[in-house]
Every structure is written in structure tokens, then in C-alpha cells.
Amino acid sequence: MPLIDVSIAEGRTAEDLRRLVTALHRAAEETVGALPENTTVIIREVPASHWSKADRTIAERQAASAENTRAKEL
């Protein structure tokens, strides 16, 4: 009985998340022979301001990237 627990930054569409769920179910079936009715997938969306790597949140990295893009356009 696989339990697949995914944390992902907020911002995907409902359709994107649905495709992810389907792909994860398919992967469990194809790789470990899990039955669909025995597979559980949990998607946890984390706000960009609550997820950090190397002491910078995703929101901070996105803001810096947008700022760099604006600077290049000038």
C-alpha cells in the first residue's frame, strides 16, 4: 500500500496537480505493482514564503529573478 507524499510550492493549476497525481499513481503501478485502490497520494502545497533553500525563500528568489529580468529589459 504505497503512500506518496509530495510537498510542492504553491502556484500550479488544478490541472497541473491532477496530472501529477495521475503520473504518481501510474508510477506506483508500473514500478512496484501497486493496485490503484491501494495507492494514496497526498499533495501538500507550500507557500513560496515558507520554503527556503540556502537561506533564501522561493518568494525571495522569484523576486530577485523578476528584478533581474526587468533590469535586462531597460
PDB file of N, CA and C in Angstrom:
ATOM      1  N   MET A   1       0.836  -1.178   0.000  1.00  0.00           N
ATOM      2  CA  MET A   1       0.000   0.000   0.000  1.00  0.00           C
ATOM      3  C   MET A   1       0.882   1.243   0.000  1.00  0.00           C
ATOM      4  N   PRO A   2       1.273   1.755  -1.168  1.00  0.00           N
ATOM      5  CA  PRO A   2       2.116   2.948  -1.210  1.00  0.00           C
ATOM      6  C   PRO A   2       1.374   4.201  -0.742  1.00  0.00           C
ATOM      7  N   LEU A   3       2.083   4.999   0.029  1.00  0.00           N
ATOM      8  CA  LEU A   3       1.628   6.337   0.386  1.00  0.00           C
ATOM      9  C   LEU A   3       2.674   7.285  -0.184  1.00  0.00           C
ATOM     10  N   ILE A   4       2.278   8.083  -1.155  1.00  0.00           N
ATOM     11  CA  ILE A   4       3.180   9.016  -1.818  1.00  0.00           C
ATOM     12  C   ILE A   4       2.817  10.412  -1.332  1.00  0.00           C
ATOM     13  N   ASP A   5       3.750  11.042  -0.628  1.00  0.00           N
ATOM     14  CA  ASP A   5       3.515  12.343  -0.005  1.00  0.00           C
ATOM     15  C   ASP A   5       4.446  13.354  -0.674  1.00  0.00           C
ATOM     16  N   VAL A   6       3.873  14.326  -1.364  1.00  0.00           N
ATOM     17  CA  VAL A   6       4.643  15.293  -2.141  1.00  0.00           C
ATOM     18  C   VAL A   6       4.440  16.695  -1.581  1.00  0.00           C
ATOM     19  N   SER A   7       5.542  17.384  -1.338  1.00  0.00           N
ATOM     20  CA  SER A   7       5.480  18.808  -0.999  1.00  0.00           C
ATOM     21  C   SER A   7       5.926  19.572  -2.235  1.00  0.00           C
ATOM     22  N   ILE A   8       5.150  20.584  -2.605  1.00  0.00           N
ATOM     23  CA  ILE A   8       5.433  21.346  -3.809  1.00  0.00           C
ATOM     24  C   ILE A   8       5.047  22.797  -3.547  1.00  0.00           C
ATOM     25  N   ALA A   9       5.799  23.712  -4.107  1.00  0.00           N
ATOM     26  CA  ALA A   9       5.492  25.128  -3.923  1.00  0.00           C
ATOM     27  C   ALA A   9       4.153  25.453  -4.569  1.00  0.00           C
ATOM     28  N   GLU A  10       3.405  26.335  -3.916  1.00  0.00           N
ATOM     29  CA  GLU A  10       2.123  26.774  -4.471  1.00  0.00           C
ATOM     30  C   GLU A  10       2.339  27.430  -5.832  1.00  0.00           C
ATOM     31  N   GLY A  11       1.284  27.405  -6.623  1.00  0.00           N
ATOM     32  CA  GLY A  11       1.343  28.116  -7.888  1.00  0.00           C
ATOM     33  C   GLY A  11       0.954  27.288  -9.097  1.00  0.00           C
ATOM     34  N   ARG A  12       0.794  25.994  -8.912  1.00  0.00           N
ATOM     35  CA  ARG A  12       0.380  25.150 -10.036  1.00  0.00           C
ATOM     36  C   ARG A  12      -1.134  25.218 -10.188  1.00  0.00           C
ATOM     37  N   THR A  13      -1.599  24.974 -11.388  1.00  0.00           N
ATOM     38  CA  THR A  13      -3.042  24.929 -11.617  1.00  0.00           C
ATOM     39  C   THR A  13      -3.601  23.608 -11.117  1.00  0.00           C
ATOM     40  N   ALA A  14      -4.910  23.567 -10.951  1.00  0.00           N
ATOM     41  CA  ALA A  14      -5.570  22.323 -10.559  1.00  0.00           C
ATOM     42  C   ALA A  14      -5.300  21.230 -11.590  1.00  0.00           C
ATOM     43  N   GLU A  15      -5.233  21.619 -12.853  1.00  0.00           N
ATOM     44  CA  GLU A  15      -4.968  20.644 -13.917  1.00  0.00           C
ATOM     45  C   GLU A  15      -3.545  20.100 -13.801  1.00  0.00           C
ATOM     46  N   ASP A  16      -2.573  20.963 -13.497  1.00  0.00           N
ATOM     47  CA  ASP A  16      -1.186  20.511 -13.307  1.00  0.00           C
ATOM     48  C   ASP A  16      -1.103  19.499 -12.163  1.00  0.00           C
ATOM     49  N   LEU A  17      -1.758  19.827 -11.057  1.00  0.00           N
ATOM     50  CA  LEU A  17      -1.727  18.936  -9.899  1.00  0.00           C
ATOM     51  C   LEU A  17      -2.426  17.621 -10.199  1.00  0.00           C
ATOM     52  N   ARG A  18      -3.495  17.677 -10.963  1.00  0.00           N
ATOM     53  CA  ARG A  18      -4.211  16.444 -11.330  1.00  0.00           C
ATOM     54  C   ARG A  18      -3.324  15.544 -12.168  1.00  0.00           C
ATOM     55  N   ARG A  19      -2.585  16.155 -13.116  1.00  0.00           N
ATOM     56  CA  ARG A  19      -1.654  15.370 -13.946  1.00  0.00           C
ATOM     57  C   ARG A  19      -0.555  14.748 -13.086  1.00  0.00           C
ATOM     58  N   LEU A  20      -0.081  15.489 -12.093  1.00  0.00           N
ATOM     59  CA  LEU A  20       0.937  14.957 -11.187  1.00  0.00           C
ATOM     60  C   LEU A  20       0.403  13.760 -10.420  1.00  0.00           C
ATOM     61  N   VAL A  21      -0.803  13.874  -9.881  1.00  0.00           N
ATOM     62  CA  VAL A  21      -1.417  12.765  -9.150  1.00  0.00           C
ATOM     63  C   VAL A  21      -1.528  11.531 -10.049  1.00  0.00           C
ATOM     64  N   THR A  22      -2.002  11.726 -11.263  1.00  0.00           N
ATOM     65  CA  THR A  22      -2.146  10.606 -12.198  1.00  0.00           C
ATOM     66  C   THR A  22      -0.784   9.964 -12.489  1.00  0.00           C
ATOM     67  N   ALA A  23       0.229  10.784 -12.713  1.00  0.00           N
ATOM     68  CA  ALA A  23       1.568  10.256 -13.012  1.00  0.00           C
ATOM     69  C   ALA A  23       2.134   9.486 -11.821  1.00  0.00           C
ATOM     70  N   LEU A  24       1.895   9.970 -10.611  1.00  0.00           N
ATOM     71  CA  LEU A  24       2.394   9.273  -9.426  1.00  0.00           C
ATOM     72  C   LEU A  24       1.687   7.937  -9.229  1.00  0.00           C
ATOM     73  N   HIS A  25       0.376   7.916  -9.442  1.00  0.00           N
ATOM     74  CA  HIS A  25      -0.354   6.646  -9.363  1.00  0.00           C
ATOM     75  C   HIS A  25       0.183   5.666 -10.405  1.00  0.00           C
ATOM     76  N   ARG A  26       0.362   6.145 -11.615  1.00  0.00           N
ATOM     77  CA  ARG A  26       0.872   5.289 -12.694  1.00  0.00           C
ATOM     78  C   ARG A  26       2.260   4.756 -12.351  1.00  0.00           C
ATOM     79  N   ALA A  27       3.120   5.610 -11.814  1.00  0.00           N
ATOM     80  CA  ALA A  27       4.476   5.183 -11.454  1.00  0.00           C
ATOM     81  C   ALA A  27       4.439   4.086 -10.389  1.00  0.00           C
ATOM     82  N   ALA A  28       3.567   4.217  -9.410  1.00  0.00           N
ATOM     83  CA  ALA A  28       3.454   3.188  -8.363  1.00  0.00           C
ATOM     84  C   ALA A  28       2.980   1.865  -8.957  1.00  0.00           C
ATOM     85  N   GLU A  29       2.042   1.940  -9.880  1.00  0.00           N
ATOM     86  CA  GLU A  29       1.544   0.721 -10.523  1.00  0.00           C
ATOM     87  C   GLU A  29       2.641   0.055 -11.352  1.00  0.00           C
ATOM     88  N   GLU A  30       3.353   0.856 -12.146  1.00  0.00           N
ATOM     89  CA  GLU A  30       4.331   0.311 -13.082  1.00  0.00           C
ATOM     90  C   GLU A  30       5.627  -0.139 -12.410  1.00  0.00           C
ATOM     91  N   THR A  31       6.019   0.515 -11.330  1.00  0.00           N
ATOM     92  CA  THR A  31       7.324   0.196 -10.738  1.00  0.00           C
ATOM     93  C   THR A  31       7.261  -0.824  -9.613  1.00  0.00           C
ATOM     94  N   VAL A  32       6.199  -0.803  -8.827  1.00  0.00           N
ATOM     95  CA  VAL A  32       6.120  -1.739  -7.699  1.00  0.00           C
ATOM     96  C   VAL A  32       4.863  -2.600  -7.734  1.00  0.00           C
ATOM     97  N   GLY A  33       4.109  -2.503  -8.817  1.00  0.00           N
ATOM     98  CA  GLY A  33       2.926  -3.343  -8.977  1.00  0.00           C
ATOM     99  C   GLY A  33       1.793  -2.995  -8.028  1.00  0.00           C
ATOM    100  N   ALA A  34       1.750  -1.766  -7.559  1.00  0.00           N
ATOM    101  CA  ALA A  34       0.700  -1.346  -6.629  1.00  0.00           C
ATOM    102  C   ALA A  34      -0.650  -1.308  -7.325  1.00  0.00           C
ATOM    103  N   LEU A  35      -1.659  -1.740  -6.634  1.00  0.00           N
ATOM    104  CA  LEU A  35      -3.019  -1.650  -7.152  1.00  0.00           C
ATOM    105  C   LEU A  35      -3.520  -0.218  -6.951  1.00  0.00           C
ATOM    106  N   PRO A  36      -4.240   0.328  -7.931  1.00  0.00           N
ATOM    107  CA  PRO A  36      -4.726   1.706  -7.813  1.00  0.00           C
ATOM    108  C   PRO A  36      -5.530   1.949  -6.535  1.00  0.00           C
ATOM    109  N   GLU A  37      -6.349   0.990  -6.156  1.00  0.00           N
ATOM    110  CA  GLU A  37      -7.185   1.177  -4.966  1.00  0.00           C
ATOM    111  C   GLU A  37      -6.384   1.133  -3.666  1.00  0.00           C
ATOM    112  N   ASN A  38      -5.122   0.718  -3.745  1.00  0.00           N
ATOM    113  CA  ASN A  38      -4.275   0.664  -2.555  1.00  0.00           C
ATOM    114  C   ASN A  38      -3.231   1.776  -2.512  1.00  0.00           C
ATOM    115  N   THR A  39      -3.280   2.670  -3.460  1.00  0.00           N
ATOM    116  CA  THR A  39      -2.284   3.743  -3.538  1.00  0.00           C
ATOM    117  C   THR A  39      -2.914   5.057  -3.101  1.00  0.00           C
ATOM    118  N   THR A  40      -2.216   5.755  -2.215  1.00  0.00           N
ATOM    119  CA  THR A  40      -2.662   7.059  -1.738  1.00  0.00           C
ATOM    120  C   THR A  40      -1.619   8.101  -2.120  1.00  0.00           C
ATOM    121  N   VAL A  41      -2.077   9.222  -2.651  1.00  0.00           N
ATOM    122  CA  VAL A  41      -1.196  10.342  -2.992  1.00  0.00           C
ATOM    123  C   VAL A  41      -1.685  11.567  -2.231  1.00  0.00           C
ATOM    124  N   ILE A  42      -0.747  12.219  -1.564  1.00  0.00           N
ATOM    125  CA  ILE A  42      -1.041  13.462  -0.850  1.00  0.00           C
ATOM    126  C   ILE A  42      -0.171  14.558  -1.450  1.00  0.00           C
ATOM    127  N   ILE A  43      -0.796  15.642  -1.864  1.00  0.00           N
ATOM    128  CA  ILE A  43      -0.068  16.802  -2.379  1.00  0.00           C
ATOM    129  C   ILE A  43      -0.187  17.908  -1.340  1.00  0.00           C
ATOM    130  N   ARG A  44       0.940  18.381  -0.871  1.00  0.00           N
ATOM    131  CA  ARG A  44       0.973  19.480   0.091  1.00  0.00           C
ATOM    132  C   ARG A  44       1.566  20.701  -0.606  1.00  0.00           C
ATOM    133  N   GLU A  45       0.749  21.715  -0.775  1.00  0.00           N
ATOM    134  CA  GLU A  45       1.223  22.947  -1.396  1.00  0.00           C
ATOM    135  C   GLU A  45       1.752  23.875  -0.310  1.00  0.00           C
ATOM    136  N   VAL A  46       2.975  24.304  -0.488  1.00  0.00           N
ATOM    137  CA  VAL A  46       3.648  25.139   0.495  1.00  0.00           C
ATOM    138  C   VAL A  46       3.771  26.552  -0.066  1.00  0.00           C
ATOM    139  N   PRO A  47       3.379  27.566   0.704  1.00  0.00           N
ATOM    140  CA  PRO A  47       3.550  28.942   0.226  1.00  0.00           C
ATOM    141  C   PRO A  47       5.028  29.225  -0.071  1.00  0.00           C
ATOM    142  N   ALA A  48       5.276  29.990  -1.110  1.00  0.00           N
ATOM    143  CA  ALA A  48       6.648  30.301  -1.522  1.00  0.00           C
ATOM    144  C   ALA A  48       7.434  30.988  -0.414  1.00  0.00           C
ATOM    145  N   SER A  49       6.749  31.690   0.451  1.00  0.00           N
ATOM    146  CA  SER A  49       7.433  32.377   1.548  1.00  0.00           C
ATOM    147  C   SER A  49       7.771  31.442   2.712  1.00  0.00           C
ATOM    148  N   HIS A  50       7.285  30.195   2.649  1.00  0.00           N
ATOM    149  CA  HIS A  50       7.524  29.227   3.725  1.00  0.00           C
ATOM    150  C   HIS A  50       8.508  28.139   3.311  1.00  0.00           C
ATOM    151  N   TRP A  51       9.122  28.255   2.155  1.00  0.00           N
ATOM    152  CA  TRP A  51      10.022  27.221   1.646  1.00  0.00           C
ATOM    153  C   TRP A  51      11.343  27.884   1.320  1.00  0.00           C
ATOM    154  N   SER A  52      12.405  27.418   1.961  1.00  0.00           N
ATOM    155  CA  SER A  52      13.700  28.051   1.702  1.00  0.00           C
ATOM    156  C   SER A  52      14.770  27.017   1.410  1.00  0.00           C
ATOM    157  N   LYS A  53      15.769  27.479   0.702  1.00  0.00           N
ATOM    158  CA  LYS A  53      16.954  26.690   0.389  1.00  0.00           C
ATOM    159  C   LYS A  53      18.114  27.671   0.395  1.00  0.00           C
ATOM    160  N   ALA A  54      19.197  27.291   1.027  1.00  0.00           N
ATOM    161  CA  ALA A  54      20.370  28.169   1.108  1.00  0.00           C
ATOM    162  C   ALA A  54      19.988  29.525   1.713  1.00  0.00           C
ATOM    163  N   ASP A  55      19.096  29.498   2.696  1.00  0.00           N
ATOM    164  CA  ASP A  55      18.671  30.683   3.444  1.00  0.00           C
ATOM    165  C   ASP A  55      17.963  31.733   2.593  1.00  0.00           C
ATOM    166  N   ARG A  56      17.355  31.300   1.480  1.00  0.00           N
ATOM    167  CA  ARG A  56      16.528  32.200   0.661  1.00  0.00           C
ATOM    168  C   ARG A  56      15.234  31.482   0.346  1.00  0.00           C
ATOM    169  N   THR A  57      14.121  32.176   0.567  1.00  0.00           N
ATOM    170  CA  THR A  57      12.837  31.554   0.263  1.00  0.00           C
ATOM    171  C   THR A  57      12.613  31.554  -1.247  1.00  0.00           C
ATOM    172  N   ILE A  58      11.700  30.732  -1.665  1.00  0.00           N
ATOM    173  CA  ILE A  58      11.327  30.714  -3.086  1.00  0.00           C
ATOM    174  C   ILE A  58      10.821  32.091  -3.488  1.00  0.00           C
ATOM    175  N   ALA A  59      10.029  32.715  -2.620  1.00  0.00           N
ATOM    176  CA  ALA A  59       9.497  34.047  -2.923  1.00  0.00           C
ATOM    177  C   ALA A  59      10.630  35.049  -3.121  1.00  0.00           C
ATOM    178  N   GLU A  60      11.660  34.975  -2.301  1.00  0.00           N
ATOM    179  CA  GLU A  60      12.805  35.883  -2.443  1.00  0.00           C
ATOM    180  C   GLU A  60      13.559  35.621  -3.746  1.00  0.00           C
ATOM    181  N   ARG A  61      13.739  34.356  -4.087  1.00  0.00           N
ATOM    182  CA  ARG A  61      14.423  34.026  -5.355  1.00  0.00           C
ATOM    183  C   ARG A  61      13.600  34.475  -6.556  1.00  0.00           C
ATOM    184  N   GLN A  62      12.274  34.299  -6.477  1.00  0.00           N
ATOM    185  CA  GLN A  62      11.412  34.741  -7.577  1.00  0.00           C
ATOM    186  C   GLN A  62      11.461  36.256  -7.737  1.00  0.00           C
ATOM    187  N   ALA A  63      11.444  36.979  -6.630  1.00  0.00           N
ATOM    188  CA  ALA A  63      11.507  38.442  -6.686  1.00  0.00           C
ATOM    189  C   ALA A  63      12.834  38.900  -7.280  1.00  0.00           C
ATOM    190  N   ALA A  64      13.929  38.268  -6.885  1.00  0.00           N
ATOM    191  CA  ALA A  64      15.246  38.625  -7.417  1.00  0.00           C
ATOM    192  C   ALA A  64      15.321  38.332  -8.910  1.00  0.00           C
ATOM    193  N   SER A  65      14.742  37.221  -9.324  1.00  0.00           N
ATOM    194  CA  SER A  65      14.742  36.863 -10.740  1.00  0.00           C
ATOM    195  C   SER A  65      13.938  37.862 -11.556  1.00  0.00           C
ATOM    196  N   ALA A  66      12.774  38.262 -11.047  1.00  0.00           N
ATOM    197  CA  ALA A  66      11.937  39.244 -11.737  1.00  0.00           C
ATOM    198  C   ALA A  66      12.664  40.583 -11.829  1.00  0.00           C
ATOM    199  N   GLU A  67      13.372  40.948 -10.779  1.00  0.00           N
ATOM    200  CA  GLU A  67      14.126  42.199 -10.766  1.00  0.00           C
ATOM    201  C   GLU A  67      15.248  42.163 -11.804  1.00  0.00           C
ATOM    202  N   ASN A  68      15.930  41.034 -11.894  1.00  0.00           N
ATOM    203  CA  ASN A  68      16.999  40.875 -12.901  1.00  0.00           C
ATOM    204  C   ASN A  68      16.441  40.965 -14.311  1.00  0.00           C
ATOM    205  N   THR A  69      15.280  40.372 -14.524  1.00  0.00           N
ATOM    206  CA  THR A  69      14.652  40.410 -15.842  1.00  0.00           C
ATOM    207  C   THR A  69      14.280  41.848 -16.209  1.00  0.00           C
ATOM    208  N   ARG A  70      13.718  42.588 -15.260  1.00  0.00           N
ATOM    209  CA  ARG A  70      13.357  43.985 -15.516  1.00  0.00           C
ATOM    210  C   ARG A  70      14.607  44.824 -15.823  1.00  0.00           C
ATOM    211  N   ALA A  71      15.687  44.557 -15.093  1.00  0.00           N
ATOM    212  CA  ALA A  71      16.925  45.316 -15.303  1.00  0.00           C
ATOM    213  C   ALA A  71      17.483  45.048 -16.703  1.00  0.00           C
ATOM    214  N   LYS A  72      17.378  43.839 -17.185  1.00  0.00           N
ATOM    215  CA  LYS A  72      17.878  43.494 -18.525  1.00  0.00           C
ATOM    216  C   LYS A  72      17.039  44.141 -19.607  1.00  0.00           C
ATOM    217  N   GLU A  73      15.742  44.358 -19.333  1.00  0.00           N
ATOM    218  CA  GLU A  73      14.858  44.950 -20.323  1.00  0.00           C
ATOM    219  C   GLU A  73      15.097  46.440 -20.494  1.00  0.00           C
ATOM    220  N   LEU A  74      15.732  47.057 -19.514  1.00  0.00           N
ATOM    221  CA  LEU A  74      15.972  48.515 -19.573  1.00  0.00           C
ATOM    222  C   LEU A  74      17.118  48.866 -20.439  1.00  0.00           C
TER     223      LEU A  74
END
